[in-house]
N, C-alpha and C. Protein backbone atom coordinates (compact mmCIF):
# COMPACT_ATOMS: atom_id res chain seq x y z
N MET A 1 -20.50 -31.89 3.05
CA MET A 1 -21.96 -32.17 3.13
C MET A 1 -22.72 -31.03 2.45
N GLU A 2 -23.45 -31.30 1.48
CA GLU A 2 -24.13 -30.25 0.76
C GLU A 2 -25.61 -30.23 1.04
N ARG A 3 -26.32 -29.13 0.98
CA ARG A 3 -27.65 -28.92 1.21
C ARG A 3 -28.48 -29.12 -0.18
N ILE A 4 -27.78 -28.96 -1.23
CA ILE A 4 -28.36 -28.87 -2.47
C ILE A 4 -27.60 -29.65 -3.62
N ALA A 5 -28.32 -30.28 -4.61
CA ALA A 5 -27.64 -31.05 -5.61
C ALA A 5 -28.40 -30.77 -6.90
N ILE A 6 -27.88 -31.47 -7.99
CA ILE A 6 -28.62 -31.32 -9.29
C ILE A 6 -28.60 -32.58 -10.00
N THR A 7 -29.63 -32.91 -10.72
CA THR A 7 -29.64 -34.17 -11.52
C THR A 7 -28.78 -33.92 -12.78
N ASP A 8 -28.37 -34.96 -13.44
CA ASP A 8 -27.61 -34.78 -14.75
C ASP A 8 -28.45 -34.18 -15.68
N LYS A 9 -29.71 -34.51 -15.80
CA LYS A 9 -30.55 -33.86 -16.76
C LYS A 9 -30.77 -32.34 -16.63
N ALA A 10 -30.82 -31.93 -15.33
CA ALA A 10 -30.93 -30.54 -15.13
C ALA A 10 -29.63 -29.80 -15.33
N ALA A 11 -28.53 -30.47 -14.97
CA ALA A 11 -27.19 -29.98 -15.24
C ALA A 11 -26.86 -29.71 -16.77
N THR A 12 -27.40 -30.53 -17.52
CA THR A 12 -27.22 -30.40 -19.09
C THR A 12 -27.93 -29.12 -19.48
N ILE A 13 -29.15 -28.95 -18.90
CA ILE A 13 -29.90 -27.65 -19.25
C ILE A 13 -29.16 -26.32 -18.83
N VAL A 14 -28.70 -26.48 -17.59
CA VAL A 14 -27.84 -25.38 -16.99
C VAL A 14 -26.72 -25.07 -17.89
N LYS A 15 -25.90 -26.10 -18.43
CA LYS A 15 -24.87 -25.84 -19.28
C LYS A 15 -25.34 -25.26 -20.64
N GLN A 16 -26.35 -25.65 -21.06
CA GLN A 16 -26.96 -25.04 -22.35
C GLN A 16 -27.31 -23.67 -22.12
N LEU A 17 -27.83 -23.32 -20.95
CA LEU A 17 -28.26 -21.91 -20.75
C LEU A 17 -26.95 -21.11 -20.48
N GLN A 18 -26.01 -21.62 -19.84
CA GLN A 18 -24.70 -20.91 -19.64
C GLN A 18 -24.02 -20.49 -20.99
N ALA A 19 -24.05 -21.42 -21.96
CA ALA A 19 -23.51 -21.22 -23.25
C ALA A 19 -24.15 -20.05 -23.91
N LYS A 20 -25.50 -20.01 -23.76
CA LYS A 20 -26.26 -18.93 -24.47
C LYS A 20 -26.22 -17.60 -23.66
N HIS A 21 -26.31 -17.53 -22.27
CA HIS A 21 -26.52 -16.41 -21.51
C HIS A 21 -25.34 -16.00 -20.72
N GLY A 22 -24.38 -16.74 -20.51
CA GLY A 22 -23.16 -16.38 -19.77
C GLY A 22 -23.38 -16.73 -18.25
N ASP A 23 -22.91 -15.84 -17.37
CA ASP A 23 -23.12 -16.18 -15.92
C ASP A 23 -24.54 -16.13 -15.48
N LEU A 24 -24.83 -17.09 -14.62
CA LEU A 24 -26.21 -17.29 -14.30
C LEU A 24 -26.28 -17.30 -12.70
N ILE A 25 -27.52 -17.19 -12.26
CA ILE A 25 -27.83 -17.35 -10.81
C ILE A 25 -29.15 -17.99 -10.57
N PHE A 26 -29.21 -19.14 -9.67
CA PHE A 26 -30.52 -19.71 -9.35
C PHE A 26 -31.11 -18.88 -8.18
N HIS A 27 -32.33 -18.79 -8.10
CA HIS A 27 -33.02 -18.26 -6.90
C HIS A 27 -34.20 -18.87 -6.70
N GLN A 28 -34.61 -19.17 -5.49
CA GLN A 28 -35.89 -19.65 -5.11
C GLN A 28 -36.51 -18.80 -4.12
N SER A 29 -37.66 -18.06 -4.54
CA SER A 29 -38.11 -17.01 -3.70
C SER A 29 -39.29 -17.45 -2.87
N GLY A 30 -40.24 -18.23 -3.29
CA GLY A 30 -41.39 -18.54 -2.54
C GLY A 30 -42.44 -17.49 -2.84
N GLY A 31 -42.22 -16.61 -3.67
CA GLY A 31 -43.11 -15.43 -3.89
C GLY A 31 -44.04 -15.67 -5.00
N CYS A 32 -44.22 -14.68 -5.93
CA CYS A 32 -45.22 -14.82 -6.91
C CYS A 32 -44.77 -15.74 -8.05
N CYS A 33 -45.50 -15.77 -9.11
CA CYS A 33 -45.11 -16.63 -10.27
C CYS A 33 -45.23 -18.17 -9.93
N ASP A 34 -44.07 -18.82 -9.99
CA ASP A 34 -44.13 -20.23 -9.58
C ASP A 34 -43.95 -20.51 -8.26
N GLY A 35 -44.07 -19.70 -7.33
CA GLY A 35 -43.99 -19.82 -5.97
C GLY A 35 -42.68 -20.31 -5.59
N SER A 36 -42.52 -21.57 -5.11
CA SER A 36 -41.22 -21.98 -4.61
C SER A 36 -40.38 -22.74 -5.65
N SER A 37 -40.72 -22.51 -6.85
CA SER A 37 -39.84 -23.26 -7.83
C SER A 37 -38.49 -22.56 -8.04
N PRO A 38 -37.51 -23.32 -8.24
CA PRO A 38 -36.13 -22.64 -8.48
C PRO A 38 -36.25 -22.02 -9.89
N MET A 39 -35.73 -20.85 -9.97
CA MET A 39 -35.49 -20.09 -11.18
C MET A 39 -34.23 -19.67 -11.50
N ILE A 40 -33.87 -19.65 -12.77
CA ILE A 40 -32.46 -19.34 -13.15
C ILE A 40 -32.45 -18.05 -14.05
N PHE A 41 -31.62 -17.06 -13.67
CA PHE A 41 -31.55 -15.85 -14.49
C PHE A 41 -30.14 -15.46 -14.89
N GLU A 42 -30.02 -14.57 -15.79
CA GLU A 42 -28.69 -13.99 -16.00
C GLU A 42 -28.25 -13.40 -14.75
N LYS A 43 -26.89 -13.37 -14.41
CA LYS A 43 -26.52 -13.09 -13.10
C LYS A 43 -26.82 -11.57 -12.75
N ASP A 44 -26.80 -10.66 -13.81
CA ASP A 44 -27.14 -9.25 -13.54
C ASP A 44 -28.49 -8.91 -13.39
N ASP A 45 -29.36 -9.87 -13.75
CA ASP A 45 -30.83 -9.64 -13.75
C ASP A 45 -31.52 -9.94 -12.39
N MET A 46 -30.71 -10.38 -11.46
CA MET A 46 -31.28 -10.81 -10.12
C MET A 46 -30.63 -9.97 -8.99
N TYR A 47 -31.41 -9.20 -8.30
CA TYR A 47 -30.99 -8.43 -7.28
C TYR A 47 -31.02 -9.26 -5.90
N LEU A 48 -29.98 -9.43 -5.28
CA LEU A 48 -29.94 -10.19 -3.89
C LEU A 48 -29.79 -9.16 -2.88
N ASP A 49 -30.40 -9.43 -1.67
CA ASP A 49 -30.31 -8.58 -0.48
C ASP A 49 -29.98 -9.46 0.64
N GLU A 50 -30.14 -8.92 1.94
CA GLU A 50 -29.90 -9.66 3.13
C GLU A 50 -30.92 -10.75 3.45
N SER A 51 -32.04 -10.73 2.68
CA SER A 51 -33.13 -11.75 2.80
C SER A 51 -32.77 -13.07 1.99
N ASP A 52 -31.68 -12.99 1.37
CA ASP A 52 -31.30 -14.21 0.41
C ASP A 52 -30.17 -14.99 1.07
N ILE A 53 -30.35 -16.24 1.21
CA ILE A 53 -29.29 -17.15 1.78
C ILE A 53 -28.61 -18.13 0.75
N PHE A 54 -27.32 -17.99 0.71
CA PHE A 54 -26.57 -18.81 -0.23
C PHE A 54 -26.65 -20.33 0.21
N MET A 55 -27.08 -21.16 -0.79
CA MET A 55 -27.29 -22.58 -0.55
C MET A 55 -26.18 -23.45 -1.03
N GLY A 56 -25.52 -22.97 -2.08
CA GLY A 56 -24.38 -23.77 -2.66
C GLY A 56 -24.30 -23.40 -4.11
N THR A 57 -23.43 -24.16 -4.83
CA THR A 57 -23.27 -23.93 -6.18
C THR A 57 -23.44 -25.08 -7.08
N LEU A 58 -24.24 -24.96 -8.17
CA LEU A 58 -24.66 -26.11 -9.02
C LEU A 58 -24.07 -25.78 -10.39
N GLU A 59 -23.24 -26.62 -10.83
CA GLU A 59 -22.65 -26.46 -12.19
C GLU A 59 -22.01 -24.98 -12.36
N GLY A 60 -21.42 -24.51 -11.30
CA GLY A 60 -20.81 -23.17 -11.35
C GLY A 60 -21.78 -22.01 -11.02
N VAL A 61 -23.08 -22.40 -10.90
CA VAL A 61 -24.11 -21.35 -10.75
C VAL A 61 -24.51 -21.29 -9.17
N PRO A 62 -24.26 -20.13 -8.58
CA PRO A 62 -24.68 -19.95 -7.20
C PRO A 62 -26.26 -20.15 -7.10
N PHE A 63 -26.58 -20.72 -5.99
CA PHE A 63 -28.14 -20.90 -5.68
C PHE A 63 -28.40 -20.27 -4.37
N TYR A 64 -29.43 -19.31 -4.48
CA TYR A 64 -29.80 -18.58 -3.26
C TYR A 64 -31.36 -18.89 -3.05
N MET A 65 -31.71 -18.83 -1.76
CA MET A 65 -33.04 -19.11 -1.44
C MET A 65 -33.52 -17.92 -0.44
N ASN A 66 -34.63 -17.35 -0.56
CA ASN A 66 -35.20 -16.32 0.30
C ASN A 66 -35.29 -17.06 1.66
N LYS A 67 -34.93 -16.13 2.73
CA LYS A 67 -34.86 -16.60 4.10
C LYS A 67 -36.18 -17.40 4.54
N ASP A 68 -37.27 -16.81 4.06
CA ASP A 68 -38.51 -17.30 4.57
C ASP A 68 -38.60 -18.83 4.05
N GLN A 69 -38.32 -19.04 2.70
CA GLN A 69 -38.22 -20.31 2.16
C GLN A 69 -37.24 -21.23 2.91
N PHE A 70 -36.12 -20.65 3.19
CA PHE A 70 -35.02 -21.50 3.78
C PHE A 70 -35.54 -21.96 5.16
N GLU A 71 -36.28 -21.25 5.93
CA GLU A 71 -36.78 -21.71 7.17
C GLU A 71 -37.62 -22.84 7.02
N TYR A 72 -38.43 -22.87 5.89
CA TYR A 72 -39.21 -24.01 5.60
C TYR A 72 -38.45 -25.24 5.07
N TRP A 73 -37.40 -25.02 4.39
CA TRP A 73 -36.79 -26.16 3.79
C TRP A 73 -35.43 -26.56 4.56
N LYS A 74 -35.03 -25.84 5.58
CA LYS A 74 -33.64 -26.03 6.21
C LYS A 74 -33.36 -27.37 6.67
N HIS A 75 -34.48 -28.23 6.86
CA HIS A 75 -34.32 -29.62 7.42
C HIS A 75 -34.33 -30.60 6.36
N THR A 76 -34.17 -30.16 4.93
CA THR A 76 -34.19 -31.08 3.97
C THR A 76 -33.08 -30.91 2.94
N HIS A 77 -32.67 -31.92 2.28
CA HIS A 77 -31.70 -31.91 1.20
C HIS A 77 -32.48 -31.63 -0.06
N LEU A 78 -32.02 -30.78 -0.88
CA LEU A 78 -32.82 -30.42 -2.04
C LEU A 78 -32.02 -30.90 -3.33
N THR A 79 -32.78 -31.37 -4.33
CA THR A 79 -32.22 -31.74 -5.50
C THR A 79 -32.90 -31.01 -6.67
N VAL A 80 -32.26 -30.26 -7.53
CA VAL A 80 -32.85 -29.54 -8.58
C VAL A 80 -32.92 -30.48 -9.77
N ASP A 81 -34.07 -30.53 -10.28
CA ASP A 81 -34.41 -31.42 -11.57
C ASP A 81 -35.08 -30.56 -12.62
N ILE A 82 -35.32 -31.16 -13.63
CA ILE A 82 -35.89 -30.43 -14.87
C ILE A 82 -37.06 -31.38 -15.39
N THR A 83 -38.18 -30.70 -15.69
CA THR A 83 -39.37 -31.45 -16.21
C THR A 83 -39.96 -30.64 -17.38
N GLU A 84 -40.58 -31.42 -18.36
CA GLU A 84 -41.31 -30.79 -19.34
C GLU A 84 -42.46 -30.05 -18.91
N GLY A 85 -42.82 -28.86 -19.51
CA GLY A 85 -43.94 -28.16 -19.12
C GLY A 85 -43.55 -26.64 -18.93
N ARG A 86 -44.35 -25.83 -19.12
CA ARG A 86 -44.11 -24.41 -19.11
C ARG A 86 -44.53 -23.83 -17.77
N GLY A 87 -43.63 -23.41 -17.00
CA GLY A 87 -43.90 -22.67 -15.75
C GLY A 87 -44.23 -21.19 -16.05
N ALA A 88 -44.75 -20.50 -15.00
CA ALA A 88 -45.37 -19.21 -15.17
C ALA A 88 -44.29 -18.26 -14.58
N SER A 89 -43.09 -18.31 -14.99
CA SER A 89 -42.05 -17.32 -14.47
C SER A 89 -41.19 -16.87 -15.67
N PHE A 90 -40.21 -16.00 -15.26
CA PHE A 90 -39.33 -15.54 -16.16
C PHE A 90 -37.96 -16.17 -16.25
N SER A 91 -37.94 -17.47 -15.68
CA SER A 91 -36.79 -18.25 -15.68
C SER A 91 -36.34 -18.64 -17.15
N LEU A 92 -35.00 -18.66 -17.39
CA LEU A 92 -34.41 -18.90 -18.72
C LEU A 92 -34.84 -20.17 -19.29
N GLU A 93 -35.20 -21.20 -18.67
CA GLU A 93 -35.46 -22.39 -19.30
C GLU A 93 -36.84 -22.54 -19.85
N ILE A 94 -37.82 -21.62 -19.43
CA ILE A 94 -39.12 -21.60 -19.87
C ILE A 94 -39.32 -21.62 -21.36
N PRO A 95 -38.57 -20.78 -22.14
CA PRO A 95 -38.81 -20.92 -23.54
C PRO A 95 -38.45 -22.21 -24.21
N LEU A 96 -37.74 -23.07 -23.52
CA LEU A 96 -37.43 -24.38 -23.96
C LEU A 96 -38.53 -25.39 -23.75
N GLY A 97 -39.63 -25.01 -23.11
CA GLY A 97 -40.70 -25.84 -22.74
C GLY A 97 -40.41 -26.69 -21.55
N LEU A 98 -39.56 -26.17 -20.80
CA LEU A 98 -38.98 -27.02 -19.58
C LEU A 98 -39.17 -26.05 -18.35
N ARG A 99 -39.06 -26.76 -17.14
CA ARG A 99 -39.13 -25.86 -15.93
C ARG A 99 -38.29 -26.60 -14.93
N PHE A 100 -37.62 -25.95 -14.06
CA PHE A 100 -36.88 -26.54 -13.01
C PHE A 100 -37.77 -26.88 -11.82
N ILE A 101 -37.59 -27.93 -11.24
CA ILE A 101 -38.42 -28.37 -9.93
C ILE A 101 -37.44 -28.80 -8.88
N ILE A 102 -37.95 -28.94 -7.70
CA ILE A 102 -37.17 -29.51 -6.52
C ILE A 102 -37.79 -30.79 -6.07
N HIS A 103 -36.66 -31.67 -5.85
CA HIS A 103 -37.09 -32.86 -5.07
C HIS A 103 -36.53 -32.73 -3.75
N SER A 104 -37.21 -33.16 -2.68
CA SER A 104 -36.60 -32.98 -1.34
C SER A 104 -36.63 -34.32 -0.53
N ARG A 105 -35.79 -34.40 0.38
CA ARG A 105 -35.77 -35.53 1.40
C ARG A 105 -35.30 -34.91 2.61
N LEU A 106 -35.89 -35.36 3.82
CA LEU A 106 -35.41 -34.95 5.14
C LEU A 106 -33.95 -35.19 5.28
N LEU A 107 -33.25 -34.20 6.00
CA LEU A 107 -31.84 -34.53 6.30
C LEU A 107 -31.83 -35.69 7.32
N THR A 108 -30.74 -36.51 7.17
CA THR A 108 -30.53 -37.48 8.34
C THR A 108 -30.10 -36.72 9.66
N ASN A 109 -30.11 -37.35 10.76
CA ASN A 109 -29.81 -36.78 12.13
C ASN A 109 -28.36 -36.22 11.94
N GLU A 110 -27.47 -36.92 11.36
CA GLU A 110 -26.14 -36.51 11.19
C GLU A 110 -26.00 -35.32 10.26
N GLU A 111 -26.67 -35.35 9.15
CA GLU A 111 -26.74 -34.11 8.32
C GLU A 111 -27.24 -32.91 8.98
N ASN A 112 -28.31 -33.06 9.69
CA ASN A 112 -29.12 -32.07 10.29
C ASN A 112 -28.14 -31.33 11.43
N ALA A 113 -27.34 -32.26 12.14
CA ALA A 113 -26.54 -31.74 13.29
C ALA A 113 -25.43 -30.89 12.52
N LEU A 114 -24.86 -31.33 11.44
CA LEU A 114 -23.81 -30.50 10.78
C LEU A 114 -24.42 -29.26 10.15
N LEU A 115 -25.48 -29.33 9.41
CA LEU A 115 -25.92 -28.19 8.60
C LEU A 115 -26.82 -27.22 9.41
N ASN A 116 -27.40 -27.68 10.49
CA ASN A 116 -28.29 -26.80 11.27
C ASN A 116 -27.87 -26.90 12.84
N PRO A 117 -26.62 -26.34 13.18
CA PRO A 117 -26.33 -26.41 14.58
C PRO A 117 -26.91 -25.37 15.26
N ASN A 118 -27.23 -25.79 16.50
CA ASN A 118 -28.07 -24.87 17.43
C ASN A 118 -27.12 -23.94 18.11
């Protein structure tokens, strides 16, 4: 059971970015710029610390979320998608005139019990 998934359209962009930039990392901070939008960076351009939670891997790219955002989103399943438009971040898809977005749905009772045990 996964907390996070990716659409085919977004996966195509990730593969394109991997071909150009090499190893990548997704991060959703909830901080400045695009707020809670997922951003993708070259692996060595993102510093992770104890406040970042590993959510899963999408197309071979690890996805991390700041723990404050995780507390907000932990009862949802997230799907990374791509849309036209220029976000206000340093994410690698921005020069393509695209930006990653999140679609969410509440976890089922079964999913919640497995992913968020007390």
